[in-house]
Protein backbone atom coordinates (compact mmCIF):
# COMPACT_ATOMS: atom_id res chain seq x y z
CA MET A 1 23.06 -16.59 -30.73
CA ALA A 2 22.72 -19.65 -32.84
CA ALA A 3 22.02 -19.91 -36.56
CA THR A 4 19.43 -22.26 -37.96
CA ALA A 5 20.06 -24.67 -40.79
CA THR A 6 19.95 -23.17 -44.26
CA LEU A 7 16.56 -23.00 -45.86
CA LYS A 8 17.50 -25.48 -48.59
CA ASP A 9 18.05 -28.33 -46.13
CA PRO A 10 15.54 -31.22 -46.39
CA VAL A 11 12.40 -30.63 -44.34
CA THR A 12 11.62 -33.19 -41.67
CA VAL A 13 8.88 -32.73 -39.10
CA SER A 14 8.99 -35.36 -36.38
CA PRO A 15 6.56 -35.59 -33.45
CA ALA A 16 9.36 -34.56 -31.08
CA ILE A 17 10.04 -31.41 -33.10
CA ILE A 18 6.33 -30.54 -33.16
CA VAL A 19 6.08 -31.00 -29.37
CA ARG A 20 9.13 -28.82 -28.74
CA SER A 21 7.84 -26.13 -31.10
CA LEU A 22 4.39 -26.22 -29.50
CA LYS A 23 5.92 -25.93 -26.04
CA SER A 24 8.00 -22.96 -27.15
CA VAL A 25 5.01 -21.22 -28.71
CA LEU A 26 2.87 -21.82 -25.62
CA THR A 27 5.64 -20.47 -23.38
CA SER A 28 5.89 -17.32 -25.49
CA ALA A 29 2.11 -16.99 -25.58
CA PHE A 30 1.97 -17.32 -21.78
CA ASN A 31 4.67 -14.68 -21.26
CA LEU A 32 2.84 -12.32 -23.55
CA GLY A 33 -0.54 -13.45 -22.25
CA VAL A 34 0.05 -12.25 -18.71
CA GLY A 35 0.47 -8.69 -19.94
CA GLU A 36 -2.32 -9.02 -22.49
CA ALA A 37 -4.70 -10.35 -19.85
CA VAL A 38 -3.86 -7.40 -17.61
CA SER A 39 -4.35 -5.04 -20.58
CA ASN A 40 -7.74 -6.47 -21.50
CA PHE A 41 -8.91 -6.51 -17.89
CA ALA A 42 -7.85 -2.90 -17.38
CA SER A 43 -9.61 -1.88 -20.60
CA PHE A 44 -12.78 -3.63 -19.46
CA LEU A 45 -12.59 -1.93 -16.07
CA LEU A 46 -12.36 1.48 -17.72
CA PHE A 47 -15.30 0.84 -20.05
CA ALA A 48 -17.34 -0.60 -17.19
CA TYR A 49 -16.57 2.49 -15.08
CA LEU A 50 -17.56 4.87 -17.88
CA SER A 51 -20.72 2.89 -18.66
CA ARG A 52 -21.90 2.74 -15.05
CA HIS A 53 -21.13 6.40 -14.23
CA TYR A 54 -21.67 8.24 -17.52
CA GLY A 55 -23.83 5.99 -19.70
CA VAL A 56 -23.67 4.54 -23.17
CA GLU A 57 -23.13 7.88 -24.95
CA LEU A 58 -19.70 8.51 -23.42
CA LEU A 59 -18.88 4.85 -24.07
CA GLY A 60 -19.58 5.47 -27.76
CA ILE A 61 -17.56 8.69 -27.82
CA VAL A 62 -14.48 7.03 -26.33
CA ALA A 63 -14.83 4.01 -28.63
CA LEU A 64 -15.04 6.29 -31.66
CA ALA A 65 -12.02 8.33 -30.51
CA GLN A 66 -9.97 5.18 -29.99
CA THR A 67 -10.99 3.85 -33.41
CA VAL A 68 -9.94 7.01 -35.25
CA ALA A 69 -6.67 7.07 -33.29
CA ARG A 70 -6.10 3.47 -34.31
CA TYR A 71 -6.27 4.43 -37.98
CA VAL A 72 -3.76 7.23 -37.37
CA THR A 73 -1.52 4.73 -35.58
CA LEU A 74 -1.62 2.34 -38.53
CA GLY A 75 -0.89 5.19 -40.92
CA THR A 76 2.10 6.11 -38.77
CA ASP A 77 3.34 2.55 -38.81
CA GLN A 78 2.79 1.82 -42.54
CA GLY A 79 3.59 -1.87 -41.96
CA LEU A 80 7.02 -1.02 -40.51
CA ARG A 81 6.19 -2.94 -37.35
CA LEU A 82 5.74 -6.19 -39.27
CA VAL A 83 8.68 -5.67 -41.60
CA GLY A 84 10.97 -4.63 -38.76
CA ALA A 85 9.99 -7.62 -36.61
CA ARG A 86 10.46 -9.93 -39.60
CA LEU A 87 13.96 -8.59 -40.31
CA VAL A 88 15.02 -8.75 -36.66
CA ALA A 89 13.65 -12.29 -36.31
CA ARG A 90 15.83 -13.41 -39.23
CA ASN A 91 18.98 -11.61 -38.06
CA GLY A 92 18.89 -10.10 -34.58
CA ALA A 93 22.46 -8.81 -34.89
CA ALA A 94 21.27 -6.23 -37.42
CA ALA A 95 18.75 -4.78 -34.93
CA PRO A 96 20.55 -1.41 -34.37
CA LEU A 97 20.53 -0.72 -38.10
CA ILE A 98 16.88 -1.77 -38.43
CA VAL A 99 15.81 0.38 -35.43
CA LYS A 100 17.39 3.46 -36.99
CA ARG A 101 15.74 2.96 -40.38
CA VAL A 102 12.31 2.17 -38.92
CA LEU A 103 12.38 5.19 -36.59
CA LEU A 104 13.23 7.66 -39.37
CA LYS A 105 10.38 6.44 -41.56
CA ARG A 106 7.90 6.41 -38.69
CA LEU A 107 8.63 10.01 -37.74
CA PHE A 108 7.86 11.16 -41.29
CA SER A 109 4.63 9.19 -41.59
CA CYS A 110 3.54 10.21 -38.06
CA ALA A 111 3.69 13.91 -38.88
CA THR A 112 1.54 13.37 -41.96
CA CYS A 113 -1.04 11.06 -40.40
CA VAL A 114 -1.50 13.00 -37.15
CA THR A 115 -2.18 16.12 -39.22
CA VAL A 116 -4.82 14.26 -41.24
CA GLY A 117 -6.34 12.82 -38.06
CA CYS A 118 -6.58 16.22 -36.38
CA THR A 119 -8.29 17.63 -39.47
CA TYR A 120 -10.83 14.81 -39.40
CA ALA A 121 -11.47 15.40 -35.69
CA LEU A 122 -12.18 19.09 -36.27
CA TYR A 123 -14.09 18.97 -39.54
CA GLY A 124 -15.06 15.34 -40.26
CA PRO A 125 -18.52 13.72 -40.04
CA VAL A 126 -18.53 12.86 -36.33
CA PRO A 127 -20.88 13.72 -33.45
CA GLN A 128 -20.10 17.23 -32.20
CA SER A 129 -19.66 15.98 -28.64
CA ALA A 130 -16.90 13.60 -29.78
CA ARG A 131 -14.63 16.10 -31.60
CA SER A 132 -12.43 17.12 -28.66
CA TYR A 133 -12.01 13.50 -27.54
CA ILE A 134 -11.00 12.39 -31.03
CA LEU A 135 -8.50 15.26 -31.29
CA GLY A 136 -6.94 14.35 -27.93
CA PHE A 137 -6.61 10.67 -28.77
CA VAL A 138 -5.13 11.43 -32.21
CA LEU A 139 -2.43 13.62 -30.62
CA GLY A 140 -1.75 10.72 -28.24
CA VAL A 141 -0.49 8.70 -31.23
CA VAL A 142 2.73 10.76 -31.44
CA PRO A 143 4.62 8.67 -28.81
CA TYR A 144 3.78 5.54 -30.81
CA ALA A 145 6.21 6.63 -33.54
CA PHE A 146 9.02 6.00 -31.03
CA SER A 147 7.70 2.68 -29.68
CA LEU A 148 9.94 -0.42 -29.86
CA ASP A 149 7.24 -3.01 -29.22
CA TRP A 150 7.98 -4.43 -32.69
CA LEU A 151 11.64 -4.92 -31.71
CA ALA A 152 10.68 -6.91 -28.61
CA TRP A 153 8.42 -8.98 -30.87
CA GLY A 154 11.16 -9.73 -33.40
CA LEU A 155 13.69 -10.62 -30.68
CA ASP A 156 11.24 -13.05 -29.03
CA LYS A 157 11.12 -10.87 -25.90
CA PHE A 158 7.51 -11.75 -25.25
CA ALA A 159 7.63 -11.16 -21.50
CA TRP A 160 8.78 -7.59 -22.09
CA LEU A 161 6.19 -7.13 -24.82
CA GLY A 162 3.55 -8.31 -22.36
CA VAL A 163 4.78 -5.85 -19.72
CA PHE A 164 4.58 -3.07 -22.30
CA ARG A 165 1.04 -3.85 -23.44
CA GLY A 166 -0.30 -4.44 -19.94
CA GLY A 167 1.57 -1.52 -18.41
CA VAL A 168 0.37 1.07 -20.93
CA THR A 169 -3.28 0.10 -20.45
CA VAL A 170 -3.02 0.02 -16.66
CA LEU A 171 -1.42 3.47 -16.66
CA PHE A 172 -4.23 4.69 -18.90
CA LEU A 173 -6.83 3.22 -16.54
CA ILE A 174 -5.27 4.68 -13.38
CA GLY A 175 -4.62 8.06 -14.96
CA SER A 176 -8.13 8.31 -16.41
CA ILE A 177 -10.04 7.44 -13.25
CA THR A 178 -7.76 9.53 -11.04
CA GLY A 179 -8.14 12.50 -13.37
CA ILE A 180 -11.91 12.14 -13.55
CA VAL A 181 -12.24 11.97 -9.77
CA LEU A 182 -9.92 14.92 -9.10
CA ALA A 183 -10.76 17.22 -12.01
CA ARG A 184 -14.44 16.27 -12.40
CA THR A 185 -14.00 16.16 -16.17
CA THR A 186 -13.77 13.23 -18.55
CA LEU A 187 -12.23 15.01 -21.55
CA TRP A 188 -8.90 16.11 -20.10
CA ALA A 189 -8.59 13.09 -17.84
CA LEU A 190 -9.00 10.55 -20.65
CA THR A 191 -6.95 12.30 -23.33
CA LEU A 192 -4.02 13.28 -21.12
CA ALA A 193 -3.89 9.85 -19.46
CA ASN A 194 -3.84 8.20 -22.88
CA GLY A 195 -0.91 10.32 -24.12
CA LEU A 196 1.06 9.98 -20.88
CA ALA A 197 0.66 6.19 -20.80
CA ALA A 198 1.89 5.87 -24.40
CA THR A 199 4.90 8.10 -23.67
CA LEU A 200 5.95 6.16 -20.57
CA GLY A 201 5.59 2.87 -22.46
CA ALA A 202 7.85 4.07 -25.28
CA VAL A 203 10.47 5.40 -22.84
CA GLY A 204 10.43 2.11 -20.93
CA LEU A 205 11.18 -0.05 -23.98
CA TRP A 206 13.92 2.30 -25.18
CA THR A 207 15.56 2.03 -21.77
CA VAL A 208 15.47 -1.78 -21.87
CA TRP A 209 16.80 -1.82 -25.44
CA LEU A 210 19.78 0.42 -24.69
CA LEU A 211 20.72 -1.14 -21.34
CA ARG A 212 19.91 -4.84 -21.85
CA TRP A 213 19.14 -6.04 -25.35
CA LYS A 214 21.62 -4.05 -27.43
CA PRO A 215 24.73 -5.04 -25.40
CA GLN A 216 23.83 -8.74 -25.90
CA LEU A 217 23.99 -8.58 -29.68
CA ILE A 218 26.88 -9.98 -31.69
CA LYS A 219 29.19 -7.10 -32.50
CA ASP A 220 30.34 -8.34 -35.93
CA THR A 221 27.09 -7.72 -37.79
CA PRO A 222 26.98 -9.22 -41.30
CA ALA A 223 26.93 -6.75 -44.17
CA LEU A 224 23.12 -6.59 -44.39
CA GLU A 225 22.70 -2.84 -44.88
CA GLY A 226 21.78 -3.26 -48.53
CA HIS A 227 19.18 -5.91 -47.75
CA VAL A 228 17.68 -3.89 -44.89
CA HIS A 229 17.50 -0.83 -47.11
CA GLU A 230 15.76 -2.86 -49.82
CA GLU A 231 13.19 -4.34 -47.41
CA LEU A 232 12.43 -0.92 -45.87
CA ARG A 233 11.97 1.05 -49.09
CA TRP A 234 8.67 2.93 -49.21
CA LEU A 235 7.65 1.03 -52.33
CA ALA A 236 8.36 -2.25 -50.52
CA ILE A 237 6.50 -1.47 -47.29
CA LEU A 238 3.54 0.52 -48.61
CA PRO A 239 1.60 -2.58 -49.75
CA LEU A 240 1.90 -4.02 -46.24
CA GLY A 241 1.08 -0.67 -44.66
CA MET A 242 -2.00 -0.37 -46.83
CA THR A 243 -2.91 -3.93 -45.86
CA MET A 244 -2.80 -3.06 -42.16
CA ILE A 245 -5.00 0.00 -42.69
CA LEU A 246 -7.47 -1.98 -44.79
CA ASN A 247 -7.43 -4.75 -42.19
CA GLN A 248 -8.41 -2.18 -39.57
CA ALA A 249 -11.11 -0.88 -41.91
CA PHE A 250 -12.37 -4.43 -42.31
CA HIS A 251 -12.60 -4.91 -38.55
CA ASN A 252 -14.00 -1.62 -37.30
CA PHE A 253 -14.67 0.99 -39.97
CA ASP A 254 -18.29 0.24 -39.17
CA THR A 255 -17.71 2.14 -35.91
CA VAL A 256 -16.60 5.20 -37.88
CA LEU A 257 -19.60 4.89 -40.22
CA LEU A 258 -21.96 4.51 -37.28
CA GLY A 259 -20.48 7.70 -35.85
CA ALA A 260 -21.11 9.46 -39.16
CA MET A 261 -24.64 8.10 -39.84
CA SER A 262 -26.00 7.42 -36.36
CA THR A 263 -25.71 8.61 -32.76
CA ALA A 264 -23.01 8.28 -30.12
CA SER A 265 -25.38 6.03 -28.13
CA GLU A 266 -25.70 3.60 -31.05
CA VAL A 267 -21.92 3.57 -31.40
CA GLY A 268 -21.73 2.77 -27.68
CA ARG A 269 -24.13 -0.19 -27.98
CA TYR A 270 -22.31 -1.64 -30.95
CA SER A 271 -18.90 -1.10 -29.37
CA SER A 272 -19.98 -2.73 -26.11
CA ALA A 273 -20.86 -5.93 -28.01
CA TYR A 274 -17.78 -5.78 -30.24
CA ARG A 275 -15.50 -5.25 -27.24
CA ILE A 276 -16.61 -8.63 -25.87
CA LEU A 277 -15.64 -10.14 -29.20
CA PHE A 278 -12.33 -8.25 -29.18
CA PHE A 279 -11.55 -9.62 -25.73
CA ILE A 280 -11.93 -13.20 -27.01
CA LEU A 281 -9.93 -12.56 -30.16
CA GLY A 282 -7.23 -10.87 -28.09
CA GLY A 283 -6.54 -14.14 -26.32
CA TYR A 284 -6.13 -15.93 -29.63
CA TRP A 285 -3.91 -13.09 -30.84
CA LEU A 286 -1.34 -14.22 -28.25
CA VAL A 287 -0.78 -17.46 -30.16
CA THR A 288 -0.56 -15.93 -33.63
CA THR A 289 1.77 -13.18 -32.36
CA SER A 290 4.04 -15.78 -30.77
CA LEU A 291 4.14 -17.69 -34.04
CA TYR A 292 5.18 -14.75 -36.22
CA PRO A 293 8.97 -14.66 -35.56
CA ARG A 294 9.18 -18.47 -35.89
CA LEU A 295 7.23 -18.53 -39.12
CA SER A 296 9.44 -15.76 -40.50
CA ARG A 297 12.49 -18.02 -40.25
CA ALA A 298 10.85 -21.43 -40.66
CA ARG A 299 11.62 -23.86 -43.45
CA GLY A 300 8.73 -24.92 -45.66
CA GLY A 301 7.58 -27.94 -47.60
CA PRO A 302 4.57 -30.26 -48.02
CA GLN A 303 4.52 -31.34 -44.37
CA ALA A 304 4.37 -27.73 -43.18
CA LYS A 305 1.41 -27.09 -45.47
CA LYS A 306 -0.39 -30.18 -44.15
CA LEU A 307 0.23 -29.04 -40.56
CA LEU A 308 -1.26 -25.63 -41.43
CA LEU A 309 -4.47 -27.20 -42.79
CA TRP A 310 -4.94 -29.36 -39.70
CA SER A 311 -4.32 -26.31 -37.52
CA LEU A 312 -7.04 -24.42 -39.38
CA LEU A 313 -9.52 -27.21 -38.72
CA ALA A 314 -8.64 -27.21 -35.02
CA VAL A 315 -8.99 -23.45 -34.52
CA ALA A 316 -12.26 -23.34 -36.50
CA THR A 317 -13.75 -26.05 -34.30
CA ALA A 318 -12.62 -24.33 -31.10
CA GLY A 319 -13.96 -20.98 -32.33
CA THR A 320 -17.37 -22.45 -33.17
CA LEU A 321 -17.77 -23.97 -29.72
CA LEU A 322 -16.72 -20.73 -28.09
CA ALA A 323 -19.21 -18.75 -30.21
CA LEU A 324 -22.07 -21.01 -29.13
CA VAL A 325 -21.24 -20.59 -25.44
CA ILE A 326 -20.99 -16.79 -25.68
CA GLY A 327 -24.22 -16.60 -27.69
CA ILE A 328 -26.14 -18.53 -25.06
CA PHE A 329 -24.90 -16.41 -22.16
CA ALA A 330 -24.78 -13.07 -24.04
CA PRO A 331 -27.19 -11.14 -21.72
CA ASN A 332 -25.34 -12.30 -18.62
CA ILE A 333 -21.92 -11.41 -20.05
CA LEU A 334 -23.02 -7.91 -21.03
CA ALA A 335 -24.75 -7.26 -17.70
CA LEU A 336 -21.74 -8.49 -15.74
CA THR A 337 -19.41 -6.20 -17.70
CA TYR A 338 -21.45 -3.01 -18.10
CA GLY A 339 -24.11 -3.20 -15.39
CA SER A 340 -26.84 -3.92 -17.97
CA ASP A 341 -27.01 -5.42 -21.45
CA LEU A 342 -27.22 -1.87 -22.95
CA GLY A 343 -29.62 -3.26 -25.55
CA ALA A 344 -26.70 -5.06 -27.21
CA THR A 345 -27.67 -8.73 -26.70
CA ASN A 346 -28.82 -9.31 -30.28
CA LEU A 347 -25.73 -7.55 -31.61
CA LEU A 348 -23.45 -9.79 -29.60
CA ARG A 349 -25.32 -12.95 -30.64
CA ILE A 350 -24.79 -12.05 -34.29
CA LEU A 351 -21.16 -10.99 -33.94
CA VAL A 352 -20.02 -14.13 -32.10
CA PHE A 353 -20.24 -16.15 -35.31
CA ALA A 354 -17.30 -14.13 -36.57
CA ILE A 355 -15.10 -15.85 -33.96
CA PRO A 356 -14.35 -19.12 -35.84
CA MET A 357 -13.83 -17.21 -39.09
CA ASP A 358 -11.51 -14.71 -37.41
CA PHE A 359 -9.51 -17.55 -35.85
CA CYS A 360 -8.83 -18.90 -39.35
CA VAL A 361 -8.21 -15.48 -40.90
CA ALA A 362 -5.75 -14.45 -38.16
CA LEU A 363 -3.72 -17.64 -38.53
CA LEU A 364 -3.60 -17.43 -42.32
CA THR A 365 -2.75 -13.73 -42.26
CA VAL A 366 0.23 -14.18 -39.96
CA VAL A 367 1.45 -17.08 -42.12
CA PHE A 368 1.17 -15.10 -45.35
CA VAL A 369 2.88 -11.99 -43.94
CA SER A 370 5.67 -13.99 -42.29
CA ARG A 371 6.42 -15.61 -45.66
CA GLY A 372 6.57 -12.27 -47.44
CA LEU A 373 3.30 -12.67 -49.38
CA ASP A 374 2.33 -9.07 -48.68
CA ARG A 375 0.61 -8.36 -51.99
CA THR A 376 -1.63 -11.40 -51.70
CA ILE A 377 -2.80 -10.27 -48.27
CA LEU A 378 -3.29 -6.75 -49.64
CA THR A 379 -5.61 -8.10 -52.33
CA ALA A 380 -7.55 -10.26 -49.87
CA ILE A 381 -7.96 -7.65 -47.14
CA GLY A 382 -8.55 -4.83 -49.62
CA THR A 383 -11.44 -6.53 -51.38
CA ALA A 384 -12.94 -7.72 -48.09
CA ALA A 385 -12.71 -4.21 -46.60
CA GLY A 386 -14.31 -2.74 -49.71
CA MET A 387 -17.15 -5.23 -49.46
CA ASN A 388 -17.56 -4.45 -45.77
CA ILE A 389 -17.75 -0.69 -46.35
CA VAL A 390 -20.29 -1.03 -49.16
CA LEU A 391 -22.49 -3.32 -47.06
CA ASN A 392 -22.28 -0.95 -44.11
CA LEU A 393 -23.27 2.01 -46.25
CA CYS A 394 -26.30 0.05 -47.46
CA LEU A 395 -27.37 -1.47 -44.13
CA ILE A 396 -26.52 1.05 -41.40
CA PRO A 397 -29.01 3.78 -42.44
CA ARG A 398 -31.88 1.30 -42.12
CA PHE A 399 -30.75 -1.20 -39.47
CA GLN A 400 -28.13 0.78 -37.47
CA GLY A 401 -25.89 -1.52 -35.39
CA LEU A 402 -27.61 -4.71 -36.56
CA GLY A 403 -26.78 -3.79 -40.15
CA ALA A 404 -23.12 -3.31 -39.22
CA ALA A 405 -23.07 -6.74 -37.52
CA VAL A 406 -24.54 -8.48 -40.58
CA ALA A 407 -22.03 -6.71 -42.85
CA THR A 408 -19.21 -7.94 -40.60
CA LEU A 409 -20.26 -11.59 -40.91
CA ALA A 410 -20.71 -11.43 -44.69
CA SER A 411 -17.28 -9.85 -45.14
CA TYR A 412 -15.62 -12.43 -42.89
CA LEU A 413 -17.15 -15.24 -44.95
CA TYR A 414 -15.70 -13.79 -48.14
CA LEU A 415 -12.25 -13.21 -46.60
CA VAL A 416 -11.85 -16.67 -45.12
CA SER A 417 -12.93 -18.22 -48.44
CA PHE A 418 -10.37 -16.15 -50.36
CA LEU A 419 -7.49 -17.08 -48.07
CA LEU A 420 -8.41 -20.77 -47.89
CA GLN A 421 -8.52 -21.24 -51.65
CA HIS A 422 -5.16 -19.50 -51.98
CA THR A 423 -3.64 -21.66 -49.25
CA ILE A 424 -4.78 -24.84 -50.96
CA ARG A 425 -3.81 -23.84 -54.50
CA LYS A 426 -0.60 -21.83 -53.98
CA PRO A 427 2.80 -22.72 -52.43
CA VAL A 428 2.43 -20.64 -49.28
CA PHE A 429 5.24 -22.56 -47.60
CA ALA A 430 7.80 -22.38 -50.40
CA THR A 431 11.00 -24.20 -49.41
CA ASP A 432 13.27 -21.23 -50.17
CA ILE A 433 11.58 -18.10 -48.85
CA THR A 434 14.39 -15.73 -47.86
CA PRO A 435 18.06 -15.11 -48.68
CA LEU A 436 18.92 -14.81 -44.98
CA THR A 437 20.00 -17.48 -42.55
CA ALA A 438 17.84 -16.76 -39.55
CA THR A 439 19.23 -16.13 -36.12
CA ALA A 440 17.71 -15.69 -32.70
CA ILE A 441 18.94 -14.17 -29.49
């Protein structure tokens, strides 16, 4: 393990350094991308199978169940994934201590959030046909409390992280289709396959951690227990945890509201269009995820801020071009994926204009969180999520999925404006951002 220069050293960014950093990020993104590509492809295969054999209603039910389970997952995590990865990225030798503290907090929050999720599944405003599916997927969150995907992230083990993400989804795909074919039921096949895949994924990463990663750490760990305890206090992590939940609400609470105020079929149409968008954004997520550990230990200064602004211009341009291409070929893309366009062409053509804005938002969010500006992100995401929910409540009853799509674009426009003005006016890349000298395995 090698320590970086202290954060107070002068900042110099030469072309050679930029090239080396870019090469490193692209390598990490590729290692993670193989697994992510497999994960996305497997997810698409499952949704295509369900759409072609059972129709848009089951597609909507499964999408709604996965969305509710995602909220329970974020409640279980409470931002611990980001804080844990940030701490490990800055000092990998303290990983055993960080793992212990994160696990204890996750187990407590998991018990609370799974209970709330099960109550919502049984008594909440959801289509009656979706209740058992939602309950099964919520219970499938329990293995996530034990997952060490965040540890692989903080230690720059992107190949292993890719194997984890791809492997869990492939196991879910195989288990679901096998169960449906053998048992002639979708409920038990989907819910049991989901829980089993998550369990095997968690066990796999724990095995790698105990047998490979942990023995490689430096034995003489610096006395960081006080700092780790301070960073992982509930009062310290709750703003970030709330940010993650609100961020999820910003992105897909419209699915929950559609389930409450519309039909499962309408949820299916909207989700089929949004899943195309999610597939595109998932590829971009590889880059921002690869950047997070490096940004957590990076030195700042004026040149870093200038590089960030140029990067924003580049990703916005790329996102706009991509949106235009997808908009033009929207009917073909939907038909190729689901067997027909499912009546979702107009939805997709509206939603694609969120791509360039999401590219900017994702980059700025990972920068802000990596620099410890959790409360700023909480304010930005919280107000944007609130705006999104209000717009959905106003538009969905009259326009259904189209109203949800319009609300999504309006909320994105507000969020990207908020983050951009803060980036320009505030010292996001302060020179001295952390008391730790970062290390990497």
